[in-house]
PDB file of N, CA and C in Angstrom:
ATOM      1  N   MET A   1       0.848  -1.172   0.000  1.00  0.00           N
ATOM      2  CA  MET A   1       0.000   0.000   0.000  1.00  0.00           C
ATOM      3  C   MET A   1       0.900   1.243   0.000  1.00  0.00           C
ATOM      4  N   PRO A   2       0.637   2.187  -0.900  1.00  0.00           N
ATOM      5  CA  PRO A   2       1.444   3.404  -0.925  1.00  0.00           C
ATOM      6  C   PRO A   2       1.361   4.151   0.401  1.00  0.00           C
ATOM      7  N   GLU A   3       2.434   4.843   0.723  1.00  0.00           N
ATOM      8  CA  GLU A   3       2.519   5.544   2.001  1.00  0.00           C
ATOM      9  C   GLU A   3       1.421   6.597   2.156  1.00  0.00           C
ATOM     10  N   THR A   4       1.078   7.300   1.073  1.00  0.00           N
ATOM     11  CA  THR A   4       0.021   8.320   1.169  1.00  0.00           C
ATOM     12  C   THR A   4      -1.327   7.687   1.483  1.00  0.00           C
ATOM     13  N   ASP A   5      -1.606   6.506   0.907  1.00  0.00           N
ATOM     14  CA  ASP A   5      -2.852   5.797   1.212  1.00  0.00           C
ATOM     15  C   ASP A   5      -2.901   5.397   2.683  1.00  0.00           C
ATOM     16  N   GLN A   6      -1.784   4.907   3.198  1.00  0.00           N
ATOM     17  CA  GLN A   6      -1.714   4.499   4.599  1.00  0.00           C
ATOM     18  C   GLN A   6      -1.896   5.712   5.508  1.00  0.00           C
ATOM     19  N   LYS A   7      -1.273   6.819   5.157  1.00  0.00           N
ATOM     20  CA  LYS A   7      -1.385   8.043   5.950  1.00  0.00           C
ATOM     21  C   LYS A   7      -2.837   8.535   5.966  1.00  0.00           C
ATOM     22  N   SER A   8      -3.493   8.517   4.796  1.00  0.00           N
ATOM     23  CA  SER A   8      -4.899   8.929   4.709  1.00  0.00           C
ATOM     24  C   SER A   8      -5.779   8.031   5.569  1.00  0.00           C
ATOM     25  N   PHE A   9      -5.520   6.723   5.515  1.00  0.00           N
ATOM     26  CA  PHE A   9      -6.292   5.780   6.324  1.00  0.00           C
ATOM     27  C   PHE A   9      -6.097   6.064   7.811  1.00  0.00           C
ATOM     28  N   GLU A  10      -4.868   6.332   8.223  1.00  0.00           N
ATOM     29  CA  GLU A  10      -4.593   6.612   9.631  1.00  0.00           C
ATOM     30  C   GLU A  10      -5.301   7.879  10.099  1.00  0.00           C
ATOM     31  N   ILE A  11      -5.317   8.908   9.257  1.00  0.00           N
ATOM     32  CA  ILE A  11      -6.013  10.145   9.591  1.00  0.00           C
ATOM     33  C   ILE A  11      -7.507   9.880   9.717  1.00  0.00           C
ATOM     34  N   LEU A  12      -8.053   9.123   8.779  1.00  0.00           N
ATOM     35  CA  LEU A  12      -9.476   8.792   8.816  1.00  0.00           C
ATOM     36  C   LEU A  12      -9.811   7.981  10.059  1.00  0.00           C
ATOM     37  N   ALA A  13      -9.014   6.972  10.368  1.00  0.00           N
ATOM     38  CA  ALA A  13      -9.268   6.133  11.540  1.00  0.00           C
ATOM     39  C   ALA A  13      -9.210   6.954  12.823  1.00  0.00           C
ATOM     40  N   ARG A  14      -8.235   7.828  12.927  1.00  0.00           N
ATOM     41  CA  ARG A  14      -8.117   8.682  14.109  1.00  0.00           C
ATOM     42  C   ARG A  14      -9.340   9.601  14.228  1.00  0.00           C
ATOM     43  N   THR A  15      -9.797  10.120  13.099  1.00  0.00           N
ATOM     44  CA  THR A  15     -10.951  11.008  13.096  1.00  0.00           C
ATOM     45  C   THR A  15     -12.220  10.266  13.514  1.00  0.00           C
ATOM     46  N   VAL A  16     -12.431   9.063  12.981  1.00  0.00           N
ATOM     47  CA  VAL A  16     -13.605   8.256  13.366  1.00  0.00           C
ATOM     48  C   VAL A  16     -13.547   7.954  14.863  1.00  0.00           C
ATOM     49  N   HIS A  17     -12.374   7.655  15.358  1.00  0.00           N
ATOM     50  CA  HIS A  17     -12.215   7.393  16.790  1.00  0.00           C
ATOM     51  C   HIS A  17     -12.599   8.627  17.614  1.00  0.00           C
ATOM     52  N   GLU A  18     -12.079   9.793  17.214  1.00  0.00           N
ATOM     53  CA  GLU A  18     -12.348  11.015  17.963  1.00  0.00           C
ATOM     54  C   GLU A  18     -13.823  11.414  17.914  1.00  0.00           C
ATOM     55  N   VAL A  19     -14.455  11.247  16.764  1.00  0.00           N
ATOM     56  CA  VAL A  19     -15.848  11.672  16.596  1.00  0.00           C
ATOM     57  C   VAL A  19     -16.823  10.666  17.193  1.00  0.00           C
ATOM     58  N   ALA A  20     -16.591   9.380  16.927  1.00  0.00           N
ATOM     59  CA  ALA A  20     -17.580   8.360  17.291  1.00  0.00           C
ATOM     60  C   ALA A  20     -17.122   7.412  18.396  1.00  0.00           C
ATOM     61  N   GLY A  21     -15.875   7.532  18.831  1.00  0.00           N
ATOM     62  CA  GLY A  21     -15.397   6.673  19.906  1.00  0.00           C
ATOM     63  C   GLY A  21     -15.080   5.251  19.497  1.00  0.00           C
ATOM     64  N   VAL A  22     -14.994   4.996  18.202  1.00  0.00           N
ATOM     65  CA  VAL A  22     -14.676   3.653  17.704  1.00  0.00           C
ATOM     66  C   VAL A  22     -13.169   3.421  17.872  1.00  0.00           C
ATOM     67  N   PRO A  23     -12.767   2.322  18.505  1.00  0.00           N
ATOM     68  CA  PRO A  23     -11.337   2.049  18.639  1.00  0.00           C
ATOM     69  C   PRO A  23     -10.678   1.955  17.263  1.00  0.00           C
ATOM     70  N   THR A  24      -9.533   2.595  17.110  1.00  0.00           N
ATOM     71  CA  THR A  24      -8.862   2.595  15.808  1.00  0.00           C
ATOM     72  C   THR A  24      -8.513   1.182  15.353  1.00  0.00           C
ATOM     73  N   ALA A  25      -8.249   0.281  16.283  1.00  0.00           N
ATOM     74  CA  ALA A  25      -7.911  -1.098  15.914  1.00  0.00           C
ATOM     75  C   ALA A  25      -9.092  -1.824  15.275  1.00  0.00           C
ATOM     76  N   ALA A  26     -10.305  -1.335  15.512  1.00  0.00           N
ATOM     77  CA  ALA A  26     -11.504  -1.976  14.952  1.00  0.00           C
ATOM     78  C   ALA A  26     -11.830  -1.477  13.549  1.00  0.00           C
ATOM     79  N   ILE A  27     -11.122  -0.442  13.097  1.00  0.00           N
ATOM     80  CA  ILE A  27     -11.429   0.180  11.811  1.00  0.00           C
ATOM     81  C   ILE A  27     -10.574  -0.446  10.716  1.00  0.00           C
ATOM     82  N   ARG A  28     -11.255  -1.011   9.739  1.00  0.00           N
ATOM     83  CA  ARG A  28     -10.604  -1.634   8.579  1.00  0.00           C
ATOM     84  C   ARG A  28     -11.126  -0.958   7.317  1.00  0.00           C
ATOM     85  N   ARG A  29     -10.396  -1.077   6.254  1.00  0.00           N
ATOM     86  CA  ARG A  29     -10.820  -0.469   4.984  1.00  0.00           C
ATOM     87  C   ARG A  29     -12.182  -1.002   4.540  1.00  0.00           C
ATOM     88  N   GLU A  30     -12.445  -2.271   4.803  1.00  0.00           N
ATOM     89  CA  GLU A  30     -13.693  -2.886   4.360  1.00  0.00           C
ATOM     90  C   GLU A  30     -14.828  -2.733   5.378  1.00  0.00           C
ATOM     91  N   SER A  31     -14.559  -2.094   6.515  1.00  0.00           N
ATOM     92  CA  SER A  31     -15.590  -1.915   7.542  1.00  0.00           C
ATOM     93  C   SER A  31     -16.756  -1.112   7.005  1.00  0.00           C
ATOM     94  N   LEU A  32     -17.966  -1.592   7.300  1.00  0.00           N
ATOM     95  CA  LEU A  32     -19.177  -0.839   6.968  1.00  0.00           C
ATOM     96  C   LEU A  32     -19.354   0.241   8.031  1.00  0.00           C
ATOM     97  N   LEU A  33     -19.559   1.460   7.594  1.00  0.00           N
ATOM     98  CA  LEU A  33     -19.610   2.583   8.525  1.00  0.00           C
ATOM     99  C   LEU A  33     -20.774   2.483   9.503  1.00  0.00           C
ATOM    100  N   VAL A  34     -21.932   2.059   9.030  1.00  0.00           N
ATOM    101  CA  VAL A  34     -23.111   1.969   9.893  1.00  0.00           C
ATOM    102  C   VAL A  34     -23.137   0.639  10.646  1.00  0.00           C
ATOM    103  N   GLU A  35     -23.121  -0.458   9.910  1.00  0.00           N
ATOM    104  CA  GLU A  35     -23.292  -1.778  10.517  1.00  0.00           C
ATOM    105  C   GLU A  35     -22.114  -2.202  11.396  1.00  0.00           C
ATOM    106  N   ASP A  36     -20.881  -1.962  10.937  1.00  0.00           N
ATOM    107  CA  ASP A  36     -19.707  -2.413  11.692  1.00  0.00           C
ATOM    108  C   ASP A  36     -19.220  -1.390  12.723  1.00  0.00           C
ATOM    109  N   LEU A  37     -19.250  -0.113  12.343  1.00  0.00           N
ATOM    110  CA  LEU A  37     -18.663   0.915  13.203  1.00  0.00           C
ATOM    111  C   LEU A  37     -19.701   1.725  13.976  1.00  0.00           C
ATOM    112  N   GLY A  38     -20.977   1.567  13.623  1.00  0.00           N
ATOM    113  CA  GLY A  38     -22.036   2.218  14.365  1.00  0.00           C
ATOM    114  C   GLY A  38     -22.197   3.709  14.114  1.00  0.00           C
ATOM    115  N   LEU A  39     -21.682   4.215  13.007  1.00  0.00           N
ATOM    116  CA  LEU A  39     -21.854   5.630  12.697  1.00  0.00           C
ATOM    117  C   LEU A  39     -23.258   5.885  12.172  1.00  0.00           C
ATOM    118  N   ASP A  40     -23.867   6.953  12.646  1.00  0.00           N
ATOM    119  CA  ASP A  40     -25.140   7.375  12.068  1.00  0.00           C
ATOM    120  C   ASP A  40     -24.850   8.509  11.087  1.00  0.00           C
ATOM    121  N   SER A  41     -25.881   9.036  10.441  1.00  0.00           N
ATOM    122  CA  SER A  41     -25.659  10.056   9.409  1.00  0.00           C
ATOM    123  C   SER A  41     -25.026  11.314   9.984  1.00  0.00           C
ATOM    124  N   LEU A  42     -25.383  11.688  11.189  1.00  0.00           N
ATOM    125  CA  LEU A  42     -24.797  12.876  11.815  1.00  0.00           C
ATOM    126  C   LEU A  42     -23.304  12.672  12.082  1.00  0.00           C
ATOM    127  N   ALA A  43     -22.946  11.507  12.591  1.00  0.00           N
ATOM    128  CA  ALA A  43     -21.532  11.211  12.852  1.00  0.00           C
ATOM    129  C   ALA A  43     -20.731  11.197  11.548  1.00  0.00           C
ATOM    130  N   LEU A  44     -21.316  10.661  10.495  1.00  0.00           N
ATOM    131  CA  LEU A  44     -20.628  10.625   9.203  1.00  0.00           C
ATOM    132  C   LEU A  44     -20.371  12.033   8.678  1.00  0.00           C
ATOM    133  N   VAL A  45     -21.355  12.906   8.802  1.00  0.00           N
ATOM    134  CA  VAL A  45     -21.169  14.297   8.377  1.00  0.00           C
ATOM    135  C   VAL A  45     -20.100  14.967   9.233  1.00  0.00           C
ATOM    136  N   GLU A  46     -20.101  14.695  10.529  1.00  0.00           N
ATOM    137  CA  GLU A  46     -19.090  15.286  11.410  1.00  0.00           C
ATOM    138  C   GLU A  46     -17.692  14.777  11.061  1.00  0.00           C
ATOM    139  N   VAL A  47     -17.576  13.485  10.768  1.00  0.00           N
ATOM    140  CA  VAL A  47     -16.288  12.924  10.344  1.00  0.00           C
ATOM    141  C   VAL A  47     -15.806  13.644   9.078  1.00  0.00           C
ATOM    142  N   MET A  48     -16.704  13.827   8.116  1.00  0.00           N
ATOM    143  CA  MET A  48     -16.321  14.506   6.871  1.00  0.00           C
ATOM    144  C   MET A  48     -15.908  15.945   7.134  1.00  0.00           C
ATOM    145  N   TYR A  49     -16.621  16.633   8.013  1.00  0.00           N
ATOM    146  CA  TYR A  49     -16.284  18.012   8.335  1.00  0.00           C
ATOM    147  C   TYR A  49     -14.870  18.090   8.923  1.00  0.00           C
ATOM    148  N   VAL A  50     -14.573  17.219   9.861  1.00  0.00           N
ATOM    149  CA  VAL A  50     -13.246  17.221  10.491  1.00  0.00           C
ATOM    150  C   VAL A  50     -12.165  16.880   9.451  1.00  0.00           C
ATOM    151  N   LEU A  51     -12.432  15.895   8.598  1.00  0.00           N
ATOM    152  CA  LEU A  51     -11.463  15.535   7.557  1.00  0.00           C
ATOM    153  C   LEU A  51     -11.230  16.690   6.587  1.00  0.00           C
ATOM    154  N   GLU A  52     -12.299  17.381   6.222  1.00  0.00           N
ATOM    155  CA  GLU A  52     -12.148  18.535   5.329  1.00  0.00           C
ATOM    156  C   GLU A  52     -11.247  19.585   5.967  1.00  0.00           C
ATOM    157  N   GLU A  53     -11.431  19.828   7.249  1.00  0.00           N
ATOM    158  CA  GLU A  53     -10.602  20.799   7.963  1.00  0.00           C
ATOM    159  C   GLU A  53      -9.145  20.335   8.047  1.00  0.00           C
ATOM    160  N   ARG A  54      -8.943  19.084   8.411  1.00  0.00           N
ATOM    161  CA  ARG A  54      -7.588  18.554   8.591  1.00  0.00           C
ATOM    162  C   ARG A  54      -6.809  18.459   7.284  1.00  0.00           C
ATOM    163  N   LEU A  55      -7.512  18.089   6.223  1.00  0.00           N
ATOM    164  CA  LEU A  55      -6.847  17.845   4.944  1.00  0.00           C
ATOM    165  C   LEU A  55      -6.990  18.999   3.959  1.00  0.00           C
ATOM    166  N   ASN A  56      -7.706  20.038   4.380  1.00  0.00           N
ATOM    167  CA  ASN A  56      -7.928  21.201   3.526  1.00  0.00           C
ATOM    168  C   ASN A  56      -8.532  20.797   2.182  1.00  0.00           C
ATOM    169  N   ILE A  57      -9.634  20.036   2.269  1.00  0.00           N
ATOM    170  CA  ILE A  57     -10.348  19.584   1.076  1.00  0.00           C
ATOM    171  C   ILE A  57     -11.814  19.982   1.208  1.00  0.00           C
ATOM    172  N   ALA A  58     -12.539  19.854   0.123  1.00  0.00           N
ATOM    173  CA  ALA A  58     -13.980  20.099   0.142  1.00  0.00           C
ATOM    174  C   ALA A  58     -14.671  18.920  -0.536  1.00  0.00           C
ATOM    175  N   VAL A  59     -15.605  18.321   0.176  1.00  0.00           N
ATOM    176  CA  VAL A  59     -16.365  17.193  -0.358  1.00  0.00           C
ATOM    177  C   VAL A  59     -17.839  17.563  -0.312  1.00  0.00           C
ATOM    178  N   PRO A  60     -18.525  17.555  -1.457  1.00  0.00           N
ATOM    179  CA  PRO A  60     -19.954  17.874  -1.450  1.00  0.00           C
ATOM    180  C   PRO A  60     -20.732  16.861  -0.592  1.00  0.00           C
ATOM    181  N   GLU A  61     -21.654  17.363   0.226  1.00  0.00           N
ATOM    182  CA  GLU A  61     -22.421  16.482   1.115  1.00  0.00           C
ATOM    183  C   GLU A  61     -23.181  15.401   0.365  1.00  0.00           C
ATOM    184  N   GLU A  62     -23.642  15.710  -0.853  1.00  0.00           N
ATOM    185  CA  GLU A  62     -24.375  14.701  -1.611  1.00  0.00           C
ATOM    186  C   GLU A  62     -23.505  13.493  -1.961  1.00  0.00           C
ATOM    187  N   SER A  63     -22.185  13.652  -1.911  1.00  0.00           N
ATOM    188  CA  SER A  63     -21.277  12.531  -2.155  1.00  0.00           C
ATOM    189  C   SER A  63     -21.383  11.469  -1.072  1.00  0.00           C
ATOM    190  N   LEU A  64     -21.830  11.863   0.109  1.00  0.00           N
ATOM    191  CA  LEU A  64     -21.916  10.934   1.233  1.00  0.00           C
ATOM    192  C   LEU A  64     -23.035   9.908   1.061  1.00  0.00           C
ATOM    193  N   ALA A  65     -23.969  10.177   0.176  1.00  0.00           N
ATOM    194  CA  ALA A  65     -25.110   9.275  -0.013  1.00  0.00           C
ATOM    195  C   ALA A  65     -24.681   7.874  -0.438  1.00  0.00           C
ATOM    196  N   ASP A  66     -23.592   7.765  -1.189  1.00  0.00           N
ATOM    197  CA  ASP A  66     -23.134   6.474  -1.687  1.00  0.00           C
ATOM    198  C   ASP A  66     -22.040   5.843  -0.828  1.00  0.00           C
ATOM    199  N   VAL A  67     -21.665   6.490   0.248  1.00  0.00           N
ATOM    200  CA  VAL A  67     -20.585   6.000   1.103  1.00  0.00           C
ATOM    201  C   VAL A  67     -21.121   4.930   2.044  1.00  0.00           C
ATOM    202  N   LYS A  68     -20.573   3.733   1.945  1.00  0.00           N
ATOM    203  CA  LYS A  68     -20.989   2.611   2.799  1.00  0.00           C
ATOM    204  C   LYS A  68     -19.834   2.072   3.648  1.00  0.00           C
ATOM    205  N   THR A  69     -18.613   2.118   3.096  1.00  0.00           N
ATOM    206  CA  THR A  69     -17.451   1.542   3.772  1.00  0.00           C
ATOM    207  C   THR A  69     -16.385   2.608   4.031  1.00  0.00           C
ATOM    208  N   VAL A  70     -15.414   2.247   4.837  1.00  0.00           N
ATOM    209  CA  VAL A  70     -14.278   3.125   5.079  1.00  0.00           C
ATOM    210  C   VAL A  70     -13.579   3.431   3.753  1.00  0.00           C
ATOM    211  N   MET A  71     -13.440   2.432   2.891  1.00  0.00           N
ATOM    212  CA  MET A  71     -12.790   2.640   1.592  1.00  0.00           C
ATOM    213  C   MET A  71     -13.566   3.632   0.741  1.00  0.00           C
ATOM    214  N   ASP A  72     -14.886   3.563   0.766  1.00  0.00           N
ATOM    215  CA  ASP A  72     -15.700   4.542   0.035  1.00  0.00           C
ATOM    216  C   ASP A  72     -15.391   5.955   0.521  1.00  0.00           C
ATOM    217  N   LEU A  73     -15.244   6.102   1.823  1.00  0.00           N
ATOM    218  CA  LEU A  73     -14.938   7.398   2.405  1.00  0.00           C
ATOM    219  C   LEU A  73     -13.544   7.858   1.971  1.00  0.00           C
ATOM    220  N   LEU A  74     -12.577   6.953   1.994  1.00  0.00           N
ATOM    221  CA  LEU A  74     -11.227   7.287   1.549  1.00  0.00           C
ATOM    222  C   LEU A  74     -11.200   7.717   0.092  1.00  0.00           C
ATOM    223  N   ASP A  75     -12.045   7.102  -0.719  1.00  0.00           N
ATOM    224  CA  ASP A  75     -12.088   7.440  -2.147  1.00  0.00           C
ATOM    225  C   ASP A  75     -12.547   8.871  -2.410  1.00  0.00           C
ATOM    226  N   LEU A  76     -13.217   9.484  -1.430  1.00  0.00           N
ATOM    227  CA  LEU A  76     -13.668  10.864  -1.607  1.00  0.00           C
ATOM    228  C   LEU A  76     -12.532  11.864  -1.533  1.00  0.00           C
ATOM    229  N   PHE A  77     -11.427  11.444  -0.930  1.00  0.00           N
ATOM    230  CA  PHE A  77     -10.276  12.345  -0.865  1.00  0.00           C
ATOM    231  C   PHE A  77      -9.057  11.585  -1.210  1.00  0.00           C
TER     232      PHE A  77
END
């Protein structure tokens, strides 16, 4: 896995942990955000907001409609 991909995953995992309290060790690329990690729509929006701030990116909220897994979320940035 390229180093930038690993770094992005680590930032995302840390953010999910901080926002939703999910242990970082439980977060995998294939994890389902709702079923496996217990994120609701509000938590997902908050995760995206924090990621946008940390990474200086902008992701349209409508993009979140198709996000089901951690990998889907990573693909947005």
